[in-house]
PDB file of N, CA and C in Angstrom:
ATOM      1  N   MET A   1      13.448 -23.021  19.739  1.00  0.00           N
ATOM      2  CA  MET A   1      13.531 -21.776  19.177  1.00  0.00           C
ATOM      3  C   MET A   1      13.238 -22.096  17.819  1.00  0.00           C
ATOM      4  N   ARG A   2      12.434 -21.055  17.185  1.00  0.00           N
ATOM      5  CA  ARG A   2      11.945 -20.920  15.854  1.00  0.00           C
ATOM      6  C   ARG A   2      13.282 -20.346  14.990  1.00  0.00           C
ATOM      7  N   SER A   3      13.514 -20.917  13.807  1.00  0.00           N
ATOM      8  CA  SER A   3      14.577 -20.105  13.010  1.00  0.00           C
ATOM      9  C   SER A   3      14.052 -18.895  12.292  1.00  0.00           C
ATOM     10  N   SER A   4      15.017 -18.037  12.123  1.00  0.00           N
ATOM     11  CA  SER A   4      14.208 -16.803  11.504  1.00  0.00           C
ATOM     12  C   SER A   4      14.422 -16.949   9.961  1.00  0.00           C
ATOM     13  N   THR A   5      13.430 -16.168   9.178  1.00  0.00           N
ATOM     14  CA  THR A   5      13.485 -16.278   7.747  1.00  0.00           C
ATOM     15  C   THR A   5      13.437 -14.715   7.456  1.00  0.00           C
ATOM     16  N   PRO A   6      13.599 -14.414   6.245  1.00  0.00           N
ATOM     17  CA  PRO A   6      13.728 -13.021   5.818  1.00  0.00           C
ATOM     18  C   PRO A   6      12.497 -12.101   5.970  1.00  0.00           C
ATOM     19  N   LEU A   7      11.351 -12.944   6.273  1.00  0.00           N
ATOM     20  CA  LEU A   7      10.246 -12.144   6.496  1.00  0.00           C
ATOM     21  C   LEU A   7       9.763 -12.193   7.869  1.00  0.00           C
ATOM     22  N   ASP A   8      10.397 -12.661   8.701  1.00  0.00           N
ATOM     23  CA  ASP A   8      10.320 -12.610  10.227  1.00  0.00           C
ATOM     24  C   ASP A   8      10.695 -11.398  10.733  1.00  0.00           C
ATOM     25  N   THR A   9       9.894 -10.969  11.711  1.00  0.00           N
ATOM     26  CA  THR A   9      10.175  -9.531  12.448  1.00  0.00           C
ATOM     27  C   THR A   9       9.962  -9.954  13.822  1.00  0.00           C
ATOM     28  N   ALA A  10      11.053  -9.207  14.650  1.00  0.00           N
ATOM     29  CA  ALA A  10      11.137  -9.316  16.137  1.00  0.00           C
ATOM     30  C   ALA A  10      10.025  -8.391  16.601  1.00  0.00           C
ATOM     31  N   THR A  11       9.418  -8.903  17.710  1.00  0.00           N
ATOM     32  CA  THR A  11       8.657  -8.091  18.527  1.00  0.00           C
ATOM     33  C   THR A  11       8.671  -8.143  19.869  1.00  0.00           C
ATOM     34  N   ALA A  12       8.373  -7.334  20.804  1.00  0.00           N
ATOM     35  CA  ALA A  12       8.701  -7.359  22.292  1.00  0.00           C
ATOM     36  C   ALA A  12       8.037  -8.669  22.828  1.00  0.00           C
ATOM     37  N   THR A  13       7.031  -9.383  22.037  1.00  0.00           N
ATOM     38  CA  THR A  13       6.418 -10.673  22.495  1.00  0.00           C
ATOM     39  C   THR A  13       6.790 -11.572  21.576  1.00  0.00           C
ATOM     40  N   GLY A  14       7.565 -11.613  20.675  1.00  0.00           N
ATOM     41  CA  GLY A  14       8.098 -12.681  19.927  1.00  0.00           C
ATOM     42  C   GLY A  14       8.587 -12.542  18.550  1.00  0.00           C
ATOM     43  N   THR A  15       8.400 -13.463  17.753  1.00  0.00           N
ATOM     44  CA  THR A  15       8.568 -13.288  16.071  1.00  0.00           C
ATOM     45  C   THR A  15       7.447 -13.426  15.252  1.00  0.00           C
ATOM     46  N   THR A  16       7.119 -12.601  14.506  1.00  0.00           N
ATOM     47  CA  THR A  16       5.986 -12.425  13.691  1.00  0.00           C
ATOM     48  C   THR A  16       6.337 -12.811  12.226  1.00  0.00           C
ATOM     49  N   ARG A  17       5.566 -13.530  11.800  1.00  0.00           N
ATOM     50  CA  ARG A  17       5.824 -13.736  10.108  1.00  0.00           C
ATOM     51  C   ARG A  17       4.817 -12.841   9.374  1.00  0.00           C
ATOM     52  N   LEU A  18       5.631 -12.080   8.486  1.00  0.00           N
ATOM     53  CA  LEU A  18       4.856 -11.230   7.525  1.00  0.00           C
ATOM     54  C   LEU A  18       4.484 -12.067   6.465  1.00  0.00           C
ATOM     55  N   PRO A  19       3.230 -11.532   5.896  1.00  0.00           N
ATOM     56  CA  PRO A  19       2.778 -12.354   4.668  1.00  0.00           C
ATOM     57  C   PRO A  19       3.842 -12.506   3.386  1.00  0.00           C
ATOM     58  N   ASP A  20       3.711 -13.336   2.611  1.00  0.00           N
ATOM     59  CA  ASP A  20       4.680 -13.480   1.499  1.00  0.00           C
ATOM     60  C   ASP A  20       4.544 -12.374   0.535  1.00  0.00           C
ATOM     61  N   SER A  21       3.433 -11.744   0.621  1.00  0.00           N
ATOM     62  CA  SER A  21       3.253 -10.397  -0.300  1.00  0.00           C
ATOM     63  C   SER A  21       2.349  -9.495   0.409  1.00  0.00           C
ATOM     64  N   LEU A  22       2.987  -8.152   0.653  1.00  0.00           N
ATOM     65  CA  LEU A  22       2.339  -7.294   1.157  1.00  0.00           C
ATOM     66  C   LEU A  22       1.501  -6.102   0.125  1.00  0.00           C
ATOM     67  N   CYS A  23       1.541  -6.695  -1.028  1.00  0.00           N
ATOM     68  CA  CYS A  23       0.726  -6.220  -2.041  1.00  0.00           C
ATOM     69  C   CYS A  23      -0.881  -6.196  -1.679  1.00  0.00           C
ATOM     70  N   THR A  24      -1.531  -4.929  -1.766  1.00  0.00           N
ATOM     71  CA  THR A  24      -2.751  -5.140  -1.498  1.00  0.00           C
ATOM     72  C   THR A  24      -3.716  -4.388  -2.477  1.00  0.00           C
ATOM     73  N   HIS A  25      -2.850  -3.611  -3.420  1.00  0.00           N
ATOM     74  CA  HIS A  25      -3.602  -2.890  -4.624  1.00  0.00           C
ATOM     75  C   HIS A  25      -4.064  -3.685  -5.703  1.00  0.00           C
ATOM     76  N   THR A  26      -4.797  -3.112  -6.660  1.00  0.00           N
ATOM     77  CA  THR A  26      -5.008  -3.816  -8.023  1.00  0.00           C
ATOM     78  C   THR A  26      -4.508  -3.026  -9.083  1.00  0.00           C
ATOM     79  N   SER A  27      -4.003  -3.377  -9.933  1.00  0.00           N
ATOM     80  CA  SER A  27      -3.621  -5.148 -10.398  1.00  0.00           C
ATOM     81  C   SER A  27      -2.365  -5.199  -9.282  1.00  0.00           C
ATOM     82  N   ARG A  28      -2.300  -6.374  -9.111  1.00  0.00           N
ATOM     83  CA  ARG A  28      -1.140  -6.874  -8.157  1.00  0.00           C
ATOM     84  C   ARG A  28       0.304  -6.511  -8.761  1.00  0.00           C
ATOM     85  N   CYS A  29       1.117  -6.285  -7.846  1.00  0.00           N
ATOM     86  CA  CYS A  29       2.614  -6.032  -8.412  1.00  0.00           C
ATOM     87  C   CYS A  29       3.225  -7.245  -8.652  1.00  0.00           C
ATOM     88  N   PRO A  30       4.524  -7.239  -9.449  1.00  0.00           N
ATOM     89  CA  PRO A  30       5.139  -8.392  -9.930  1.00  0.00           C
ATOM     90  C   PRO A  30       5.663  -9.196  -8.547  1.00  0.00           C
ATOM     91  N   SER A  31       5.603 -10.529  -8.565  1.00  0.00           N
ATOM     92  CA  SER A  31       6.132 -11.451  -7.551  1.00  0.00           C
ATOM     93  C   SER A  31       7.580 -11.216  -7.464  1.00  0.00           C
ATOM     94  N   ALA A  32       8.120 -11.426  -6.053  1.00  0.00           N
ATOM     95  CA  ALA A  32       9.474 -11.377  -5.965  1.00  0.00           C
ATOM     96  C   ALA A  32      10.263 -12.381  -6.797  1.00  0.00           C
ATOM     97  N   ASP A  33       9.795 -13.580  -7.341  1.00  0.00           N
ATOM     98  CA  ASP A  33      10.736 -14.077  -8.387  1.00  0.00           C
ATOM     99  C   ASP A  33      10.323 -13.753  -9.870  1.00  0.00           C
ATOM    100  N   SER A  34       9.675 -12.889 -10.077  1.00  0.00           N
ATOM    101  CA  SER A  34       9.555 -12.165 -11.576  1.00  0.00           C
ATOM    102  C   SER A  34      10.640 -11.382 -11.881  1.00  0.00           C
ATOM    103  N   PRO A  35      11.006 -11.386 -13.312  1.00  0.00           N
ATOM    104  CA  PRO A  35      11.977 -10.632 -13.717  1.00  0.00           C
ATOM    105  C   PRO A  35      11.698  -8.895 -13.486  1.00  0.00           C
ATOM    106  N   ASP A  36      10.442  -8.728 -13.442  1.00  0.00           N
ATOM    107  CA  ASP A  36      10.143  -7.138 -13.206  1.00  0.00           C
ATOM    108  C   ASP A  36       9.785  -6.906 -11.769  1.00  0.00           C
ATOM    109  N   ARG A  37      10.525  -7.660 -10.779  1.00  0.00           N
ATOM    110  CA  ARG A  37       9.878  -7.611  -9.540  1.00  0.00           C
ATOM    111  C   ARG A  37      10.232  -6.062  -8.859  1.00  0.00           C
ATOM    112  N   GLU A  38      11.407  -5.556  -9.461  1.00  0.00           N
ATOM    113  CA  GLU A  38      11.636  -3.932  -8.976  1.00  0.00           C
ATOM    114  C   GLU A  38      10.784  -2.938  -9.096  1.00  0.00           C
ATOM    115  N   ALA A  39       9.266  -3.414 -10.091  1.00  0.00           N
ATOM    116  CA  ALA A  39       8.285  -2.631 -10.229  1.00  0.00           C
ATOM    117  C   ALA A  39       7.423  -2.236  -9.231  1.00  0.00           C
ATOM    118  N   ALA A  40       7.512  -3.266  -8.273  1.00  0.00           N
ATOM    119  CA  ALA A  40       6.464  -3.282  -7.112  1.00  0.00           C
ATOM    120  C   ALA A  40       6.474  -2.009  -6.505  1.00  0.00           C
ATOM    121  N   HIS A  41       5.412  -1.745  -5.774  1.00  0.00           N
ATOM    122  CA  HIS A  41       5.390  -0.566  -4.976  1.00  0.00           C
ATOM    123  C   HIS A  41       6.498  -0.495  -3.487  1.00  0.00           C
ATOM    124  N   THR A  42       6.650   0.706  -3.225  1.00  0.00           N
ATOM    125  CA  THR A  42       7.638   0.689  -2.035  1.00  0.00           C
ATOM    126  C   THR A  42       6.372   0.845  -0.865  1.00  0.00           C
ATOM    127  N   VAL A  43       6.784  -0.005   0.207  1.00  0.00           N
ATOM    128  CA  VAL A  43       5.959  -0.105   1.452  1.00  0.00           C
ATOM    129  C   VAL A  43       6.629   0.791   2.552  1.00  0.00           C
ATOM    130  N   ALA A  44       8.099   0.657   2.437  1.00  0.00           N
ATOM    131  CA  ALA A  44       8.710   1.373   3.454  1.00  0.00           C
ATOM    132  C   ALA A  44      10.171   1.979   2.670  1.00  0.00           C
ATOM    133  N   GLY A  45      10.516   3.100   2.511  1.00  0.00           N
ATOM    134  CA  GLY A  45      11.494   3.730   1.872  1.00  0.00           C
ATOM    135  C   GLY A  45      12.442   4.306   2.856  1.00  0.00           C
ATOM    136  N   HIS A  46      13.751   3.797   3.106  1.00  0.00           N
ATOM    137  CA  HIS A  46      14.684   4.687   4.164  1.00  0.00           C
ATOM    138  C   HIS A  46      16.003   5.024   3.305  1.00  0.00           C
ATOM    139  N   PRO A  47      15.693   6.010   2.410  1.00  0.00           N
ATOM    140  CA  PRO A  47      16.860   6.353   1.399  1.00  0.00           C
ATOM    141  C   PRO A  47      17.979   6.957   2.307  1.00  0.00           C
ATOM    142  N   GLU A  48      17.800   7.414   3.427  1.00  0.00           N
ATOM    143  CA  GLU A  48      19.007   7.901   4.477  1.00  0.00           C
ATOM    144  C   GLU A  48      19.793   6.647   4.935  1.00  0.00           C
ATOM    145  N   GLN A  49      19.266   5.375   4.600  1.00  0.00           N
ATOM    146  CA  GLN A  49      20.115   4.139   5.093  1.00  0.00           C
ATOM    147  C   GLN A  49      20.394   3.177   3.779  1.00  0.00           C
ATOM    148  N   GLY A  50      19.811   3.785   2.678  1.00  0.00           N
ATOM    149  CA  GLY A  50      19.993   3.204   1.400  1.00  0.00           C
ATOM    150  C   GLY A  50      19.182   2.012   0.902  1.00  0.00           C
ATOM    151  N   TRP A  51      18.207   1.921   1.551  1.00  0.00           N
ATOM    152  CA  TRP A  51      17.209   0.703   1.155  1.00  0.00           C
ATOM    153  C   TRP A  51      15.645   0.804   1.048  1.00  0.00           C
ATOM    154  N   SER A  52      14.909  -0.001   0.202  1.00  0.00           N
ATOM    155  CA  SER A  52      13.462   0.156   0.375  1.00  0.00           C
ATOM    156  C   SER A  52      12.987  -1.119   0.345  1.00  0.00           C
ATOM    157  N   LEU A  53      11.920  -1.235   1.073  1.00  0.00           N
ATOM    158  CA  LEU A  53      11.103  -2.545   1.060  1.00  0.00           C
ATOM    159  C   LEU A  53       9.896  -2.537   0.192  1.00  0.00           C
ATOM    160  N   LEU A  54       9.904  -3.323  -0.949  1.00  0.00           N
ATOM    161  CA  LEU A  54       8.879  -3.293  -1.756  1.00  0.00           C
ATOM    162  C   LEU A  54       7.538  -4.369  -1.165  1.00  0.00           C
ATOM    163  N   CYS A  55       6.319  -4.192  -1.869  1.00  0.00           N
ATOM    164  CA  CYS A  55       5.288  -4.747  -1.458  1.00  0.00           C
ATOM    165  C   CYS A  55       5.460  -6.374  -1.746  1.00  0.00           C
ATOM    166  N   ASN A  56       6.416  -6.770  -2.533  1.00  0.00           N
ATOM    167  CA  ASN A  56       6.392  -8.206  -2.688  1.00  0.00           C
ATOM    168  C   ASN A  56       7.459  -8.934  -1.749  1.00  0.00           C
ATOM    169  N   GLY A  57       7.943  -8.018  -0.957  1.00  0.00           N
ATOM    170  CA  GLY A  57       9.096  -8.763   0.068  1.00  0.00           C
ATOM    171  C   GLY A  57      10.513  -8.416  -0.229  1.00  0.00           C
ATOM    172  N   VAL A  58      10.640  -7.955  -1.477  1.00  0.00           N
ATOM    173  CA  VAL A  58      12.074  -7.671  -1.890  1.00  0.00           C
ATOM    174  C   VAL A  58      12.361  -6.364  -1.281  1.00  0.00           C
ATOM    175  N   LEU A  59      13.764  -6.530  -0.981  1.00  0.00           N
ATOM    176  CA  LEU A  59      14.607  -5.513  -0.307  1.00  0.00           C
ATOM    177  C   LEU A  59      15.354  -4.939  -1.322  1.00  0.00           C
ATOM    178  N   LEU A  60      15.314  -3.612  -1.640  1.00  0.00           N
ATOM    179  CA  LEU A  60      15.908  -3.078  -2.803  1.00  0.00           C
ATOM    180  C   LEU A  60      17.020  -2.150  -2.146  1.00  0.00           C
ATOM    181  N   PHE A  61      18.206  -2.002  -2.596  1.00  0.00           N
ATOM    182  CA  PHE A  61      19.294  -1.131  -2.219  1.00  0.00           C
ATOM    183  C   PHE A  61      19.741  -0.214  -3.210  1.00  0.00           C
ATOM    184  N   GLU A  62      20.231   0.901  -2.633  1.00  0.00           N
ATOM    185  CA  GLU A  62      20.470   2.081  -3.495  1.00  0.00           C
ATOM    186  C   GLU A  62      21.644   1.808  -4.450  1.00  0.00           C
ATOM    187  N   ASP A  63      22.463   0.634  -4.319  1.00  0.00           N
ATOM    188  CA  ASP A  63      23.465   0.154  -5.465  1.00  0.00           C
ATOM    189  C   ASP A  63      22.995  -0.700  -6.421  1.00  0.00           C
ATOM    190  N   THR A  64      21.445  -1.002  -6.462  1.00  0.00           N
ATOM    191  CA  THR A  64      20.825  -1.805  -7.342  1.00  0.00           C
ATOM    192  C   THR A  64      20.823  -3.392  -6.886  1.00  0.00           C
ATOM    193  N   GLY A  65      21.487  -3.538  -5.835  1.00  0.00           N
ATOM    194  CA  GLY A  65      21.571  -5.084  -5.036  1.00  0.00           C
ATOM    195  C   GLY A  65      20.295  -5.363  -4.377  1.00  0.00           C
ATOM    196  N   GLU A  66      19.715  -6.315  -4.260  1.00  0.00           N
ATOM    197  CA  GLU A  66      18.591  -6.959  -3.865  1.00  0.00           C
ATOM    198  C   GLU A  66      18.682  -8.034  -3.088  1.00  0.00           C
ATOM    199  N   LEU A  67      17.613  -8.139  -1.941  1.00  0.00           N
ATOM    200  CA  LEU A  67      17.460  -9.387  -1.128  1.00  0.00           C
ATOM    201  C   LEU A  67      16.350  -9.671  -1.392  1.00  0.00           C
ATOM    202  N   LEU A  68      15.893 -11.085  -1.671  1.00  0.00           N
ATOM    203  CA  LEU A  68      14.886 -11.876  -1.985  1.00  0.00           C
ATOM    204  C   LEU A  68      13.846 -12.203  -0.813  1.00  0.00           C
ATOM    205  N   PRO A  69      12.899 -12.354  -0.754  1.00  0.00           N
ATOM    206  CA  PRO A  69      12.297 -12.962   0.609  1.00  0.00           C
ATOM    207  C   PRO A  69      12.934 -14.301   0.893  1.00  0.00           C
ATOM    208  N   ASP A  70      13.248 -15.052  -0.033  1.00  0.00           N
ATOM    209  CA  ASP A  70      13.835 -16.493   0.282  1.00  0.00           C
ATOM    210  C   ASP A  70      15.200 -16.312   0.799  1.00  0.00           C
ATOM    211  N   GLY A  71      15.740 -15.284   0.693  1.00  0.00           N
ATOM    212  CA  GLY A  71      17.139 -15.077   1.315  1.00  0.00           C
ATOM    213  C   GLY A  71      18.147 -14.872   0.191  1.00  0.00           C
ATOM    214  N   GLN A  72      17.723 -15.248  -1.273  1.00  0.00           N
ATOM    215  CA  GLN A  72      18.593 -15.050  -2.311  1.00  0.00           C
ATOM    216  C   GLN A  72      19.074 -13.628  -2.298  1.00  0.00           C
ATOM    217  N   ILE A  73      20.320 -13.544  -2.869  1.00  0.00           N
ATOM    218  CA  ILE A  73      21.070 -12.154  -2.975  1.00  0.00           C
ATOM    219  C   ILE A  73      21.169 -12.085  -4.468  1.00  0.00           C
ATOM    220  N   ILE A  74      20.965 -11.028  -4.791  1.00  0.00           N
ATOM    221  CA  ILE A  74      20.871 -10.304  -6.025  1.00  0.00           C
ATOM    222  C   ILE A  74      22.087  -9.317  -6.144  1.00  0.00           C
ATOM    223  N   ALA A  75      23.369  -9.748  -6.925  1.00  0.00           N
ATOM    224  CA  ALA A  75      24.366  -8.720  -6.593  1.00  0.00           C
ATOM    225  C   ALA A  75      23.866  -7.197  -7.395  1.00  0.00           C
ATOM    226  N   PRO A  76      24.567  -6.189  -7.100  1.00  0.00           N
ATOM    227  CA  PRO A  76      24.284  -4.941  -7.703  1.00  0.00           C
ATOM    228  C   PRO A  76      24.725  -5.223  -9.397  1.00  0.00           C
ATOM    229  N   ARG A  77      24.069  -4.425 -10.065  1.00  0.00           N
ATOM    230  CA  ARG A  77      24.348  -4.122 -11.484  1.00  0.00           C
ATOM    231  C   ARG A  77      25.050  -2.888 -11.575  1.00  0.00           C
ATOM    232  N   ARG A  78      26.358  -3.218 -12.069  1.00  0.00           N
ATOM    233  CA  ARG A  78      27.414  -2.098 -12.243  1.00  0.00           C
ATOM    234  C   ARG A  78      27.519  -1.811 -13.660  1.00  0.00           C
ATOM    235  N   LEU A  79      27.487  -0.452 -13.936  1.00  0.00           N
ATOM    236  CA  LEU A  79      27.744   0.044 -15.372  1.00  0.00           C
ATOM    237  C   LEU A  79      29.117  -0.245 -15.756  1.00  0.00           C
ATOM    238  N   THR A  80      29.442  -0.660 -17.065  1.00  0.00           N
ATOM    239  CA  THR A  80      30.816  -0.636 -17.295  1.00  0.00           C
ATOM    240  C   THR A  80      31.233   0.198 -18.428  1.00  0.00           C
ATOM    241  N   ALA A  81      32.473   0.879 -18.459  1.00  0.00           N
ATOM    242  CA  ALA A  81      32.773   1.670 -19.457  1.00  0.00           C
ATOM    243  C   ALA A  81      32.694   0.954 -20.775  1.00  0.00           C
ATOM    244  N   ALA A  82      32.312   1.589 -22.020  1.00  0.00           N
ATOM    245  CA  ALA A  82      32.286   0.988 -23.304  1.00  0.00           C
ATOM    246  C   ALA A  82      33.524   0.997 -23.851  1.00  0.00           C
TER     247      ALA A  82
END
């Protein structure tokens, strides 16, 4: 059995690997390891569930947390009182 990675999707016939980047426009969006990765275009938005998939493979959550394609978790950035 093949191990799952963050860009693997289950289908009725098995598991399909998505490309490392879903970006098809010019100029290309920032990569998932770039500091400005959140500037990538949304390819699947689910505000009712609190997340969006960006074309660079990043899952962006409404609390500003992120899940990168390699499985790395970016904790939410919380504002603190001054």
